[in-house]
PDB file of N, CA and C in Angstrom:
ATOM      1  N   MET A   1      12.784  43.712  38.232  1.00  0.00           N
ATOM      2  CA  MET A   1      11.850  43.364  38.929  1.00  0.00           C
ATOM      3  C   MET A   1      12.878  42.465  39.760  1.00  0.00           C
ATOM      4  N   ILE A   2      12.662  42.439  41.362  1.00  0.00           N
ATOM      5  CA  ILE A   2      13.396  41.853  42.153  1.00  0.00           C
ATOM      6  C   ILE A   2      12.475  40.728  42.841  1.00  0.00           C
ATOM      7  N   TYR A   3      12.812  39.704  42.665  1.00  0.00           N
ATOM      8  CA  TYR A   3      11.821  38.650  43.463  1.00  0.00           C
ATOM      9  C   TYR A   3      12.104  38.270  44.712  1.00  0.00           C
ATOM     10  N   LEU A   4      11.139  38.130  45.317  1.00  0.00           N
ATOM     11  CA  LEU A   4      11.308  37.619  46.973  1.00  0.00           C
ATOM     12  C   LEU A   4      10.592  36.538  47.023  1.00  0.00           C
ATOM     13  N   ARG A   5      10.795  35.607  48.256  1.00  0.00           N
ATOM     14  CA  ARG A   5      10.098  34.387  48.720  1.00  0.00           C
ATOM     15  C   ARG A   5      10.274  34.959  50.024  1.00  0.00           C
ATOM     16  N   TRP A   6       8.931  34.678  50.908  1.00  0.00           N
ATOM     17  CA  TRP A   6       8.727  34.691  52.339  1.00  0.00           C
ATOM     18  C   TRP A   6       7.695  34.104  52.825  1.00  0.00           C
ATOM     19  N   LYS A   7       7.369  34.115  54.075  1.00  0.00           N
ATOM     20  CA  LYS A   7       6.518  33.230  54.819  1.00  0.00           C
ATOM     21  C   LYS A   7       5.535  34.521  55.532  1.00  0.00           C
ATOM     22  N   LEU A   8       4.138  34.204  55.774  1.00  0.00           N
ATOM     23  CA  LEU A   8       3.758  35.153  56.725  1.00  0.00           C
ATOM     24  C   LEU A   8       4.160  35.247  58.180  1.00  0.00           C
ATOM     25  N   SER A   9       4.011  35.978  59.044  1.00  0.00           N
ATOM     26  CA  SER A   9       4.910  35.692  60.286  1.00  0.00           C
ATOM     27  C   SER A   9       4.214  34.568  61.466  1.00  0.00           C
ATOM     28  N   ASP A  10       3.316  34.420  61.049  1.00  0.00           N
ATOM     29  CA  ASP A  10       2.534  33.215  62.107  1.00  0.00           C
ATOM     30  C   ASP A  10       2.337  31.955  61.235  1.00  0.00           C
ATOM     31  N   ASP A  11       3.177  31.027  61.407  1.00  0.00           N
ATOM     32  CA  ASP A  11       3.516  29.831  60.739  1.00  0.00           C
ATOM     33  C   ASP A  11       3.184  29.664  59.487  1.00  0.00           C
ATOM     34  N   GLY A  12       3.068  30.826  58.588  1.00  0.00           N
ATOM     35  CA  GLY A  12       3.452  31.011  57.420  1.00  0.00           C
ATOM     36  C   GLY A  12       2.104  31.144  56.462  1.00  0.00           C
ATOM     37  N   THR A  13       0.578  30.697  57.334  1.00  0.00           N
ATOM     38  CA  THR A  13      -0.355  30.591  56.797  1.00  0.00           C
ATOM     39  C   THR A  13      -1.402  31.979  57.302  1.00  0.00           C
ATOM     40  N   SER A  14      -0.960  32.857  58.331  1.00  0.00           N
ATOM     41  CA  SER A  14      -1.632  33.809  58.829  1.00  0.00           C
ATOM     42  C   SER A  14      -0.545  34.535  59.647  1.00  0.00           C
ATOM     43  N   GLY A  15      -0.924  35.959  59.879  1.00  0.00           N
ATOM     44  CA  GLY A  15      -0.096  37.104  60.190  1.00  0.00           C
ATOM     45  C   GLY A  15       0.161  37.957  59.369  1.00  0.00           C
ATOM     46  N   THR A  16       1.177  38.570  59.627  1.00  0.00           N
ATOM     47  CA  THR A  16       1.762  39.972  58.455  1.00  0.00           C
ATOM     48  C   THR A  16       2.866  39.199  57.458  1.00  0.00           C
ATOM     49  N   GLY A  17       2.848  40.170  56.588  1.00  0.00           N
ATOM     50  CA  GLY A  17       4.085  40.244  55.681  1.00  0.00           C
ATOM     51  C   GLY A  17       4.726  41.059  55.733  1.00  0.00           C
ATOM     52  N   PRO A  18       5.970  41.055  55.191  1.00  0.00           N
ATOM     53  CA  PRO A  18       6.900  42.236  55.181  1.00  0.00           C
ATOM     54  C   PRO A  18       6.825  43.341  54.563  1.00  0.00           C
ATOM     55  N   GLU A  19       5.943  43.528  53.819  1.00  0.00           N
ATOM     56  CA  GLU A  19       5.500  44.732  52.994  1.00  0.00           C
ATOM     57  C   GLU A  19       5.431  45.947  53.666  1.00  0.00           C
ATOM     58  N   GLY A  20       4.970  46.097  54.801  1.00  0.00           N
ATOM     59  CA  GLY A  20       5.188  47.187  55.780  1.00  0.00           C
ATOM     60  C   GLY A  20       6.447  47.660  56.173  1.00  0.00           C
ATOM     61  N   THR A  21       7.221  46.691  56.555  1.00  0.00           N
ATOM     62  CA  THR A  21       8.207  46.665  57.140  1.00  0.00           C
ATOM     63  C   THR A  21       9.384  47.457  55.834  1.00  0.00           C
ATOM     64  N   ILE A  22       9.050  46.895  54.711  1.00  0.00           N
ATOM     65  CA  ILE A  22       9.752  47.118  53.659  1.00  0.00           C
ATOM     66  C   ILE A  22       9.369  48.505  53.020  1.00  0.00           C
ATOM     67  N   GLY A  23       8.337  48.709  53.110  1.00  0.00           N
ATOM     68  CA  GLY A  23       7.847  50.282  52.785  1.00  0.00           C
ATOM     69  C   GLY A  23       8.245  51.182  53.863  1.00  0.00           C
ATOM     70  N   ALA A  24       8.612  50.668  55.203  1.00  0.00           N
ATOM     71  CA  ALA A  24       8.960  51.683  56.340  1.00  0.00           C
ATOM     72  C   ALA A  24      10.524  52.116  55.713  1.00  0.00           C
ATOM     73  N   ARG A  25      10.941  50.996  55.559  1.00  0.00           N
ATOM     74  CA  ARG A  25      12.379  51.559  54.930  1.00  0.00           C
ATOM     75  C   ARG A  25      12.752  51.986  53.482  1.00  0.00           C
ATOM     76  N   GLY A  26      11.585  52.291  52.963  1.00  0.00           N
ATOM     77  CA  GLY A  26      11.718  52.812  51.780  1.00  0.00           C
ATOM     78  C   GLY A  26      11.583  52.226  50.429  1.00  0.00           C
ATOM     79  N   GLY A  27      10.998  50.934  50.612  1.00  0.00           N
ATOM     80  CA  GLY A  27      11.085  50.135  49.583  1.00  0.00           C
ATOM     81  C   GLY A  27       9.689  49.905  49.080  1.00  0.00           C
ATOM     82  N   LEU A  28       9.103  49.041  48.036  1.00  0.00           N
ATOM     83  CA  LEU A  28       7.630  49.039  47.745  1.00  0.00           C
ATOM     84  C   LEU A  28       7.975  47.489  47.313  1.00  0.00           C
ATOM     85  N   ALA A  29       7.162  46.580  48.104  1.00  0.00           N
ATOM     86  CA  ALA A  29       7.029  45.402  47.802  1.00  0.00           C
ATOM     87  C   ALA A  29       5.420  45.012  47.927  1.00  0.00           C
ATOM     88  N   ASP A  30       4.810  43.821  46.960  1.00  0.00           N
ATOM     89  CA  ASP A  30       3.629  43.212  46.938  1.00  0.00           C
ATOM     90  C   ASP A  30       3.821  41.818  46.519  1.00  0.00           C
ATOM     91  N   ALA A  31       2.936  41.094  47.165  1.00  0.00           N
ATOM     92  CA  ALA A  31       2.546  39.776  47.118  1.00  0.00           C
ATOM     93  C   ALA A  31       2.169  39.218  45.562  1.00  0.00           C
ATOM     94  N   SER A  32       2.643  38.230  45.336  1.00  0.00           N
ATOM     95  CA  SER A  32       1.806  37.489  44.230  1.00  0.00           C
ATOM     96  C   SER A  32       0.794  36.693  44.487  1.00  0.00           C
ATOM     97  N   TRP A  33       0.383  35.919  43.494  1.00  0.00           N
ATOM     98  CA  TRP A  33      -0.964  34.717  43.852  1.00  0.00           C
ATOM     99  C   TRP A  33       0.151  33.567  44.575  1.00  0.00           C
ATOM    100  N   ALA A  34       1.064  33.492  44.220  1.00  0.00           N
ATOM    101  CA  ALA A  34       1.563  31.933  44.453  1.00  0.00           C
ATOM    102  C   ALA A  34       2.072  32.120  45.934  1.00  0.00           C
ATOM    103  N   VAL A  35       1.546  30.807  46.752  1.00  0.00           N
ATOM    104  CA  VAL A  35       1.638  30.572  47.865  1.00  0.00           C
ATOM    105  C   VAL A  35       1.895  29.059  47.944  1.00  0.00           C
ATOM    106  N   ASP A  36       2.521  28.258  48.345  1.00  0.00           N
ATOM    107  CA  ASP A  36       3.091  26.998  48.526  1.00  0.00           C
ATOM    108  C   ASP A  36       2.145  26.309  49.585  1.00  0.00           C
ATOM    109  N   ALA A  37       2.323  24.779  49.732  1.00  0.00           N
ATOM    110  CA  ALA A  37       1.671  24.514  51.027  1.00  0.00           C
ATOM    111  C   ALA A  37       2.117  24.706  52.538  1.00  0.00           C
ATOM    112  N   ALA A  38       3.577  25.081  52.667  1.00  0.00           N
ATOM    113  CA  ALA A  38       4.100  25.357  53.773  1.00  0.00           C
ATOM    114  C   ALA A  38       4.049  26.836  53.750  1.00  0.00           C
ATOM    115  N   GLY A  39       3.134  27.749  52.948  1.00  0.00           N
ATOM    116  CA  GLY A  39       2.879  29.053  53.369  1.00  0.00           C
ATOM    117  C   GLY A  39       3.791  29.923  52.602  1.00  0.00           C
ATOM    118  N   TYR A  40       4.969  29.518  52.126  1.00  0.00           N
ATOM    119  CA  TYR A  40       5.851  30.244  51.527  1.00  0.00           C
ATOM    120  C   TYR A  40       4.966  31.096  49.974  1.00  0.00           C
ATOM    121  N   ARG A  41       5.335  32.296  49.881  1.00  0.00           N
ATOM    122  CA  ARG A  41       4.940  32.993  48.553  1.00  0.00           C
ATOM    123  C   ARG A  41       6.064  33.720  48.013  1.00  0.00           C
ATOM    124  N   ILE A  42       5.524  33.824  46.682  1.00  0.00           N
ATOM    125  CA  ILE A  42       6.507  35.022  45.774  1.00  0.00           C
ATOM    126  C   ILE A  42       5.906  36.232  45.778  1.00  0.00           C
ATOM    127  N   GLY A  43       6.898  37.269  46.097  1.00  0.00           N
ATOM    128  CA  GLY A  43       6.482  38.513  46.053  1.00  0.00           C
ATOM    129  C   GLY A  43       7.540  39.188  45.201  1.00  0.00           C
ATOM    130  N   TYR A  44       7.125  40.745  45.073  1.00  0.00           N
ATOM    131  CA  TYR A  44       7.856  41.579  44.038  1.00  0.00           C
ATOM    132  C   TYR A  44       8.235  42.818  44.945  1.00  0.00           C
ATOM    133  N   LEU A  45       9.574  42.939  44.502  1.00  0.00           N
ATOM    134  CA  LEU A  45       9.955  44.300  44.908  1.00  0.00           C
ATOM    135  C   LEU A  45      10.532  45.258  44.022  1.00  0.00           C
ATOM    136  N   THR A  46       9.414  46.158  43.818  1.00  0.00           N
ATOM    137  CA  THR A  46       9.621  47.112  42.838  1.00  0.00           C
ATOM    138  C   THR A  46      10.403  48.317  42.998  1.00  0.00           C
ATOM    139  N   GLN A  47      10.700  48.632  44.315  1.00  0.00           N
ATOM    140  CA  GLN A  47      11.549  49.670  44.764  1.00  0.00           C
ATOM    141  C   GLN A  47      12.700  49.310  45.956  1.00  0.00           C
ATOM    142  N   THR A  48      13.736  49.093  45.620  1.00  0.00           N
ATOM    143  CA  THR A  48      14.749  48.430  46.570  1.00  0.00           C
ATOM    144  C   THR A  48      15.218  49.166  48.061  1.00  0.00           C
ATOM    145  N   CYS A  49      15.298  48.311  48.946  1.00  0.00           N
ATOM    146  CA  CYS A  49      15.600  48.609  50.123  1.00  0.00           C
ATOM    147  C   CYS A  49      16.437  48.134  50.685  1.00  0.00           C
ATOM    148  N   ASP A  50      16.941  48.288  51.920  1.00  0.00           N
ATOM    149  CA  ASP A  50      17.680  46.939  52.887  1.00  0.00           C
ATOM    150  C   ASP A  50      17.048  45.887  53.479  1.00  0.00           C
ATOM    151  N   LEU A  51      17.107  44.879  52.898  1.00  0.00           N
ATOM    152  CA  LEU A  51      16.396  43.713  53.343  1.00  0.00           C
ATOM    153  C   LEU A  51      16.919  42.952  54.581  1.00  0.00           C
ATOM    154  N   ALA A  52      17.812  43.246  55.339  1.00  0.00           N
ATOM    155  CA  ALA A  52      18.709  42.922  56.231  1.00  0.00           C
ATOM    156  C   ALA A  52      17.212  42.679  57.671  1.00  0.00           C
ATOM    157  N   ASP A  53      17.597  41.811  58.202  1.00  0.00           N
ATOM    158  CA  ASP A  53      16.830  41.549  59.582  1.00  0.00           C
ATOM    159  C   ASP A  53      15.381  41.657  59.212  1.00  0.00           C
ATOM    160  N   LEU A  54      15.030  40.887  58.118  1.00  0.00           N
ATOM    161  CA  LEU A  54      13.553  40.441  57.978  1.00  0.00           C
ATOM    162  C   LEU A  54      13.381  39.059  58.400  1.00  0.00           C
ATOM    163  N   GLY A  55      13.719  38.232  59.272  1.00  0.00           N
ATOM    164  CA  GLY A  55      13.510  37.294  59.853  1.00  0.00           C
ATOM    165  C   GLY A  55      12.574  36.660  60.029  1.00  0.00           C
ATOM    166  N   THR A  56      11.624  37.579  60.570  1.00  0.00           N
ATOM    167  CA  THR A  56      10.348  37.109  61.155  1.00  0.00           C
ATOM    168  C   THR A  56       9.354  36.429  59.791  1.00  0.00           C
ATOM    169  N   TRP A  57       9.980  36.910  58.543  1.00  0.00           N
ATOM    170  CA  TRP A  57       9.099  36.585  57.524  1.00  0.00           C
ATOM    171  C   TRP A  57      10.087  35.107  56.418  1.00  0.00           C
ATOM    172  N   ASP A  58      11.234  35.165  57.090  1.00  0.00           N
ATOM    173  CA  ASP A  58      12.115  34.405  56.358  1.00  0.00           C
ATOM    174  C   ASP A  58      12.295  34.920  54.904  1.00  0.00           C
ATOM    175  N   VAL A  59      12.691  36.072  54.593  1.00  0.00           N
ATOM    176  CA  VAL A  59      12.505  36.469  53.475  1.00  0.00           C
ATOM    177  C   VAL A  59      13.998  36.294  52.887  1.00  0.00           C
ATOM    178  N   THR A  60      13.898  35.934  51.343  1.00  0.00           N
ATOM    179  CA  THR A  60      15.005  35.429  50.562  1.00  0.00           C
ATOM    180  C   THR A  60      14.667  36.102  49.147  1.00  0.00           C
ATOM    181  N   GLU A  61      15.838  36.726  48.728  1.00  0.00           N
ATOM    182  CA  GLU A  61      15.800  37.288  47.181  1.00  0.00           C
ATOM    183  C   GLU A  61      15.911  35.941  46.281  1.00  0.00           C
ATOM    184  N   GLN A  62      15.233  35.943  45.268  1.00  0.00           N
ATOM    185  CA  GLN A  62      15.162  34.804  44.465  1.00  0.00           C
ATOM    186  C   GLN A  62      15.535  35.360  42.777  1.00  0.00           C
ATOM    187  N   THR A  63      16.143  34.701  41.875  1.00  0.00           N
ATOM    188  CA  THR A  63      16.489  34.849  40.606  1.00  0.00           C
ATOM    189  C   THR A  63      15.068  34.876  40.119  1.00  0.00           C
ATOM    190  N   GLU A  64      15.114  35.332  38.844  1.00  0.00           N
ATOM    191  CA  GLU A  64      13.876  35.246  38.173  1.00  0.00           C
ATOM    192  C   GLU A  64      13.606  33.530  37.605  1.00  0.00           C
ATOM    193  N   ALA A  65      14.427  32.976  37.513  1.00  0.00           N
ATOM    194  CA  ALA A  65      14.369  31.603  37.317  1.00  0.00           C
ATOM    195  C   ALA A  65      13.671  30.949  38.552  1.00  0.00           C
ATOM    196  N   GLN A  66      14.375  31.274  39.465  1.00  0.00           N
ATOM    197  CA  GLN A  66      13.748  30.693  40.821  1.00  0.00           C
ATOM    198  C   GLN A  66      12.360  31.014  41.173  1.00  0.00           C
ATOM    199  N   ALA A  67      11.893  32.080  40.834  1.00  0.00           N
ATOM    200  CA  ALA A  67      10.568  32.610  40.975  1.00  0.00           C
ATOM    201  C   ALA A  67       9.637  32.191  40.147  1.00  0.00           C
ATOM    202  N   VAL A  68      10.059  31.612  38.978  1.00  0.00           N
ATOM    203  CA  VAL A  68       9.205  31.262  37.780  1.00  0.00           C
ATOM    204  C   VAL A  68       8.883  29.493  38.428  1.00  0.00           C
ATOM    205  N   ALA A  69      10.197  29.084  38.548  1.00  0.00           N
ATOM    206  CA  ALA A  69      10.076  27.748  38.935  1.00  0.00           C
ATOM    207  C   ALA A  69       9.134  27.203  40.162  1.00  0.00           C
ATOM    208  N   PHE A  70       9.373  28.115  41.095  1.00  0.00           N
ATOM    209  CA  PHE A  70       8.333  28.188  41.997  1.00  0.00           C
ATOM    210  C   PHE A  70       6.848  28.394  41.735  1.00  0.00           C
ATOM    211  N   CYS A  71       6.575  29.261  40.819  1.00  0.00           N
ATOM    212  CA  CYS A  71       5.154  29.430  40.683  1.00  0.00           C
ATOM    213  C   CYS A  71       4.709  28.403  39.566  1.00  0.00           C
ATOM    214  N   GLN A  72       5.598  27.683  38.836  1.00  0.00           N
ATOM    215  CA  GLN A  72       5.019  26.694  37.853  1.00  0.00           C
ATOM    216  C   GLN A  72       4.911  25.432  38.720  1.00  0.00           C
ATOM    217  N   THR A  73       5.423  25.186  39.887  1.00  0.00           N
ATOM    218  CA  THR A  73       5.032  24.275  40.714  1.00  0.00           C
ATOM    219  C   THR A  73       3.592  24.337  41.214  1.00  0.00           C
ATOM    220  N   LEU A  74       2.914  25.641  41.015  1.00  0.00           N
ATOM    221  CA  LEU A  74       1.541  25.549  41.398  1.00  0.00           C
ATOM    222  C   LEU A  74       0.591  25.941  39.798  1.00  0.00           C
ATOM    223  N   TYR A  75       1.137  26.402  38.852  1.00  0.00           N
ATOM    224  CA  TYR A  75       0.572  26.500  37.670  1.00  0.00           C
ATOM    225  C   TYR A  75       1.277  26.331  36.770  1.00  0.00           C
ATOM    226  N   ALA A  76       1.762  25.059  36.027  1.00  0.00           N
ATOM    227  CA  ALA A  76       2.659  25.187  34.941  1.00  0.00           C
ATOM    228  C   ALA A  76       2.949  25.932  33.901  1.00  0.00           C
ATOM    229  N   ASP A  77       1.620  26.682  33.448  1.00  0.00           N
ATOM    230  CA  ASP A  77       2.067  27.494  32.429  1.00  0.00           C
ATOM    231  C   ASP A  77       2.732  28.992  32.819  1.00  0.00           C
ATOM    232  N   ALA A  78       2.877  28.952  34.114  1.00  0.00           N
ATOM    233  CA  ALA A  78       3.184  30.371  34.595  1.00  0.00           C
ATOM    234  C   ALA A  78       4.344  31.002  34.003  1.00  0.00           C
ATOM    235  N   GLU A  79       4.578  32.300  33.394  1.00  0.00           N
ATOM    236  CA  GLU A  79       5.670  32.856  32.459  1.00  0.00           C
ATOM    237  C   GLU A  79       5.755  34.381  33.201  1.00  0.00           C
ATOM    238  N   VAL A  80       6.921  34.841  33.091  1.00  0.00           N
ATOM    239  CA  VAL A  80       7.201  36.192  33.357  1.00  0.00           C
ATOM    240  C   VAL A  80       6.445  37.133  32.159  1.00  0.00           C
ATOM    241  N   LEU A  81       5.555  37.878  32.490  1.00  0.00           N
ATOM    242  CA  LEU A  81       5.025  38.739  31.797  1.00  0.00           C
ATOM    243  C   LEU A  81       5.690  40.051  31.649  1.00  0.00           C
ATOM    244  N   PRO A  82       5.386  41.020  30.730  1.00  0.00           N
ATOM    245  CA  PRO A  82       6.391  42.202  30.005  1.00  0.00           C
ATOM    246  C   PRO A  82       6.687  42.985  31.246  1.00  0.00           C
ATOM    247  N   ASP A  83       5.836  43.147  32.398  1.00  0.00           N
ATOM    248  CA  ASP A  83       5.928  43.934  33.340  1.00  0.00           C
ATOM    249  C   ASP A  83       6.766  43.172  34.597  1.00  0.00           C
ATOM    250  N   GLY A  84       7.211  41.911  34.374  1.00  0.00           N
ATOM    251  CA  GLY A  84       8.350  41.238  35.017  1.00  0.00           C
ATOM    252  C   GLY A  84       7.331  40.749  36.302  1.00  0.00           C
ATOM    253  N   ARG A  85       6.050  40.545  36.304  1.00  0.00           N
ATOM    254  CA  ARG A  85       5.151  39.830  37.277  1.00  0.00           C
ATOM    255  C   ARG A  85       5.002  38.568  36.675  1.00  0.00           C
ATOM    256  N   ILE A  86       4.701  37.489  37.383  1.00  0.00           N
ATOM    257  CA  ILE A  86       4.672  36.105  36.849  1.00  0.00           C
ATOM    258  C   ILE A  86       2.844  35.842  36.561  1.00  0.00           C
ATOM    259  N   SER A  87       2.641  35.093  35.566  1.00  0.00           N
ATOM    260  CA  SER A  87       1.197  34.823  35.160  1.00  0.00           C
ATOM    261  C   SER A  87       0.743  34.000  36.210  1.00  0.00           C
ATOM    262  N   SER A  88      -0.569  34.064  36.389  1.00  0.00           N
ATOM    263  CA  SER A  88      -1.228  33.215  37.260  1.00  0.00           C
ATOM    264  C   SER A  88      -2.238  32.611  36.796  1.00  0.00           C
ATOM    265  N   PRO A  89      -2.740  31.741  37.515  1.00  0.00           N
ATOM    266  CA  PRO A  89      -3.959  30.754  36.461  1.00  0.00           C
ATOM    267  C   PRO A  89      -5.241  31.493  36.172  1.00  0.00           C
ATOM    268  N   PRO A  90      -5.577  31.098  35.250  1.00  0.00           N
ATOM    269  CA  PRO A  90      -7.037  31.943  34.704  1.00  0.00           C
ATOM    270  C   PRO A  90      -8.009  31.743  35.677  1.00  0.00           C
ATOM    271  N   LEU A  91      -8.749  32.737  35.587  1.00  0.00           N
ATOM    272  CA  LEU A  91     -10.315  32.526  36.742  1.00  0.00           C
ATOM    273  C   LEU A  91     -11.079  31.442  36.051  1.00  0.00           C
ATOM    274  N   PRO A  92     -11.593  30.646  37.216  1.00  0.00           N
ATOM    275  CA  PRO A  92     -12.394  29.881  36.639  1.00  0.00           C
ATOM    276  C   PRO A  92     -13.705  30.338  35.792  1.00  0.00           C
ATOM    277  N   ASP A  93     -14.334  29.363  35.290  1.00  0.00           N
ATOM    278  CA  ASP A  93     -15.061  29.761  34.299  1.00  0.00           C
ATOM    279  C   ASP A  93     -16.824  29.616  34.971  1.00  0.00           C
ATOM    280  N   ASP A  94     -17.323  30.565  35.103  1.00  0.00           N
ATOM    281  CA  ASP A  94     -18.755  30.681  35.799  1.00  0.00           C
ATOM    282  C   ASP A  94     -19.708  29.959  35.225  1.00  0.00           C
ATOM    283  N   ASP A  95     -19.471  29.772  33.865  1.00  0.00           N
ATOM    284  CA  ASP A  95     -20.780  28.922  33.292  1.00  0.00           C
ATOM    285  C   ASP A  95     -20.247  27.521  33.152  1.00  0.00           C
ATOM    286  N   VAL A  96     -19.942  27.163  34.484  1.00  0.00           N
ATOM    287  CA  VAL A  96     -19.601  25.384  34.816  1.00  0.00           C
ATOM    288  C   VAL A  96     -20.671  25.140  35.398  1.00  0.00           C
TER     289      VAL A  96
END
């Protein structure tokens, strides 16, 4: 698994992500649940491609440790799952 960090195209909180451009280049990327207050998010690249010139989204490759640390600032128990994705917070209990 290759981990990426990016912002959406318009100020980080709205707009497009790089998934379509990555797909057009032969890659396959999708966003995780983890989005920080500045609008940066962790994404997964499951099929690699050229990541040059993705400045619109400020895309940077992350190590697994960096991606987990990013997610743990949002959910302390985040960990890497067997498929390489990072665990998300549990869904709220509807019985409350």
